[in-house]
Amino acid sequence: MPAPLPQSVLFCCDHNAVRSPMAEGIMKKFYGTESYVQSAGVKSDMDIDGFAIAVCREIGVELERHRTRSFDEMEQWGDDLSSFDLIVALSPASQRRALDLTRFFHLDVVYWPIMDPTGLAQDREAKLVAYRKTRDQIVGHLTGRWGPPQTGEET
């Protein structure tokens, strides 16, 4: 039985350039406006990854306009982590940072071990295969927790 959708969820990873923006975009595509969805990284020292954009485009998820942001930038911009119902960490470093930042708040921080596809392959096709595996891991976790897409989309 799928869990009810949270009112708000924050996905996080190391740089907010691959895994967490993919999760944010796919969740928005699958579940529409049922939840407020954002993403952040431990750092925001990179731009959105072109391979992440390409493999998400294959399933109708647009990431071209995503701008990376860190936990620190969220705080500077007035985003309060305590306002999220759920934080989903997609890397060990982001899990540690999320737990540290939320230790005084009553909210769930869960860890989904999603593969980091960066640096796993040399040529374009092999890179795309690695990024698709990461995308599909995210899809599997989303649908495993919240059920099939509610917007009529199937991958």
Protein backbone atom coordinates (compact mmCIF):
# COMPACT_ATOMS: atom_id res chain seq x y z
CA MET A 1 0.00 0.00 0.00
CA PRO A 2 1.58 3.32 -1.03
CA ALA A 3 2.23 5.91 1.63
CA PRO A 4 0.28 9.16 1.46
CA LEU A 5 2.13 11.95 -0.31
CA PRO A 6 3.80 14.43 2.04
CA GLN A 7 2.68 18.04 1.86
CA SER A 8 6.31 19.04 1.25
CA VAL A 9 9.50 17.16 0.45
CA LEU A 10 13.11 18.20 -0.01
CA PHE A 11 15.49 15.98 -1.99
CA CYS A 12 19.17 16.48 -1.31
CA CYS A 13 22.51 15.19 -2.59
CA ASP A 14 26.10 16.40 -2.78
CA HIS A 15 25.96 19.20 -5.40
CA ASN A 16 22.27 19.52 -6.41
CA ALA A 17 23.41 18.91 -9.99
CA VAL A 18 22.35 15.31 -10.76
CA ARG A 19 20.42 13.13 -8.29
CA SER A 20 18.36 15.61 -6.28
CA PRO A 21 17.20 17.72 -9.26
CA MET A 22 16.29 14.49 -11.07
CA ALA A 23 14.24 13.37 -8.05
CA GLU A 24 12.60 16.79 -7.76
CA GLY A 25 11.65 16.90 -11.43
CA ILE A 26 10.40 13.32 -11.58
CA MET A 27 8.32 13.71 -8.43
CA LYS A 28 6.70 16.86 -9.80
CA LYS A 29 5.97 15.06 -13.09
CA PHE A 30 4.54 11.94 -11.40
CA TYR A 31 2.52 13.52 -8.59
CA GLY A 32 1.77 17.01 -9.90
CA THR A 33 0.95 19.68 -7.38
CA GLU A 34 -0.03 17.25 -4.61
CA SER A 35 3.24 18.07 -2.81
CA TYR A 36 5.56 21.06 -2.62
CA VAL A 37 8.89 19.69 -3.90
CA GLN A 38 12.37 21.25 -3.78
CA SER A 39 15.97 20.08 -3.90
CA ALA A 40 19.30 21.18 -2.48
CA GLY A 41 22.88 20.07 -2.15
CA VAL A 42 25.55 20.08 0.50
CA LYS A 43 27.31 22.42 -1.96
CA SER A 44 26.09 24.29 -5.03
CA ASP A 45 29.41 24.57 -6.82
CA MET A 46 28.25 22.99 -10.10
CA ASP A 47 25.60 23.63 -12.75
CA ILE A 48 22.88 21.14 -13.58
CA ASP A 49 24.47 18.17 -15.35
CA GLY A 50 23.77 17.83 -19.07
CA PHE A 51 23.43 14.05 -18.90
CA ALA A 52 20.83 14.39 -16.11
CA ILE A 53 18.93 16.80 -18.35
CA ALA A 54 19.13 14.37 -21.29
CA VAL A 55 17.90 11.24 -19.48
CA CYS A 56 15.09 13.10 -17.74
CA ARG A 57 13.97 14.59 -21.05
CA GLU A 58 13.54 10.99 -22.27
CA ILE A 59 10.68 10.56 -19.77
CA GLY A 60 9.21 14.03 -20.25
CA VAL A 61 10.89 15.74 -17.29
CA GLU A 62 12.37 19.19 -17.99
CA LEU A 63 15.46 20.16 -15.97
CA GLU A 64 17.03 22.81 -18.21
CA ARG A 65 15.94 25.69 -15.99
CA HIS A 66 17.06 24.11 -12.71
CA ARG A 67 19.47 26.27 -10.72
CA THR A 68 21.58 24.51 -8.13
CA ARG A 69 21.39 25.59 -4.51
CA SER A 70 22.90 24.48 -1.24
CA PHE A 71 21.45 24.10 2.23
CA ASP A 72 23.29 27.31 3.19
CA GLU A 73 21.74 29.22 0.28
CA MET A 74 18.30 27.93 1.21
CA GLU A 75 18.81 29.34 4.69
CA GLN A 76 20.08 32.68 3.32
CA TRP A 77 17.03 32.91 1.03
CA GLY A 78 14.65 32.30 3.93
CA ASP A 79 13.71 28.68 3.20
CA ASP A 80 13.15 26.96 6.52
CA LEU A 81 14.02 23.25 6.61
CA SER A 82 11.55 22.77 9.45
CA SER A 83 8.73 23.61 7.02
CA PHE A 84 9.33 20.37 5.09
CA ASP A 85 7.48 17.22 6.12
CA LEU A 86 10.13 14.95 4.66
CA ILE A 87 13.77 15.22 3.61
CA VAL A 88 15.03 12.51 1.28
CA ALA A 89 18.82 12.26 1.24
CA LEU A 90 20.28 10.64 -1.88
CA SER A 91 23.91 10.56 -0.71
CA PRO A 92 25.62 9.84 2.61
CA ALA A 93 27.05 13.38 2.85
CA SER A 94 23.63 14.97 2.31
CA GLN A 95 22.08 12.63 4.88
CA ARG A 96 24.65 13.71 7.48
CA ARG A 97 24.10 17.40 6.66
CA ALA A 98 20.30 17.09 6.73
CA LEU A 99 20.36 15.26 10.06
CA ASP A 100 22.71 17.89 11.51
CA LEU A 101 20.55 20.79 10.29
CA THR A 102 17.28 19.24 11.49
CA ARG A 103 18.34 17.74 14.83
CA PHE A 104 16.04 20.14 16.71
CA PHE A 105 13.06 19.71 14.36
CA HIS A 106 10.44 17.00 14.31
CA LEU A 107 10.59 15.82 10.72
CA ASP A 108 11.58 12.68 8.88
CA VAL A 109 14.93 12.36 7.14
CA VAL A 110 15.18 9.21 5.05
CA TYR A 111 18.08 7.88 3.01
CA TRP A 112 17.69 6.40 -0.45
CA PRO A 113 21.03 4.94 -1.68
CA ILE A 114 21.00 6.32 -5.23
CA MET A 115 24.05 5.67 -7.41
CA ASP A 116 26.13 8.72 -8.38
CA PRO A 117 26.59 8.26 -12.14
CA THR A 118 29.25 10.95 -12.59
CA GLY A 119 32.63 9.60 -13.58
CA LEU A 120 31.41 6.02 -14.10
CA ALA A 121 31.90 5.85 -17.87
CA GLN A 122 34.10 7.30 -20.57
CA ASP A 123 32.04 7.64 -23.74
CA ARG A 124 28.69 9.35 -24.24
CA GLU A 125 26.59 6.19 -24.64
CA ALA A 126 28.07 4.54 -21.56
CA LYS A 127 27.47 7.74 -19.56
CA LEU A 128 23.85 7.83 -20.69
CA VAL A 129 23.41 4.20 -19.57
CA ALA A 130 24.79 5.08 -16.10
CA TYR A 131 22.55 8.15 -15.79
CA ARG A 132 19.52 6.14 -16.89
CA LYS A 133 20.24 3.63 -14.12
CA THR A 134 20.29 6.49 -11.59
CA ARG A 135 17.06 7.92 -13.02
CA ASP A 136 15.42 4.50 -12.88
CA GLN A 137 16.56 3.98 -9.28
CA ILE A 138 14.86 7.26 -8.37
CA VAL A 139 11.68 6.24 -10.22
CA GLY A 140 11.72 2.91 -8.36
CA HIS A 141 12.02 4.59 -4.96
CA LEU A 142 9.30 7.15 -5.77
CA THR A 143 6.79 4.59 -7.03
CA GLY A 144 7.73 2.14 -4.29
CA ARG A 145 6.90 4.72 -1.64
CA TRP A 146 4.02 6.68 -3.21
CA GLY A 147 2.63 4.37 -5.89
CA PRO A 148 2.29 4.80 -9.63
CA PRO A 149 2.31 8.27 -11.18
CA GLN A 150 -0.90 10.17 -10.50
CA THR A 151 -0.64 12.33 -13.59
CA GLY A 152 -1.26 9.45 -16.00
CA GLU A 153 2.42 9.26 -16.88
CA GLU A 154 4.19 5.91 -17.10
CA THR A 155 7.86 5.34 -17.80
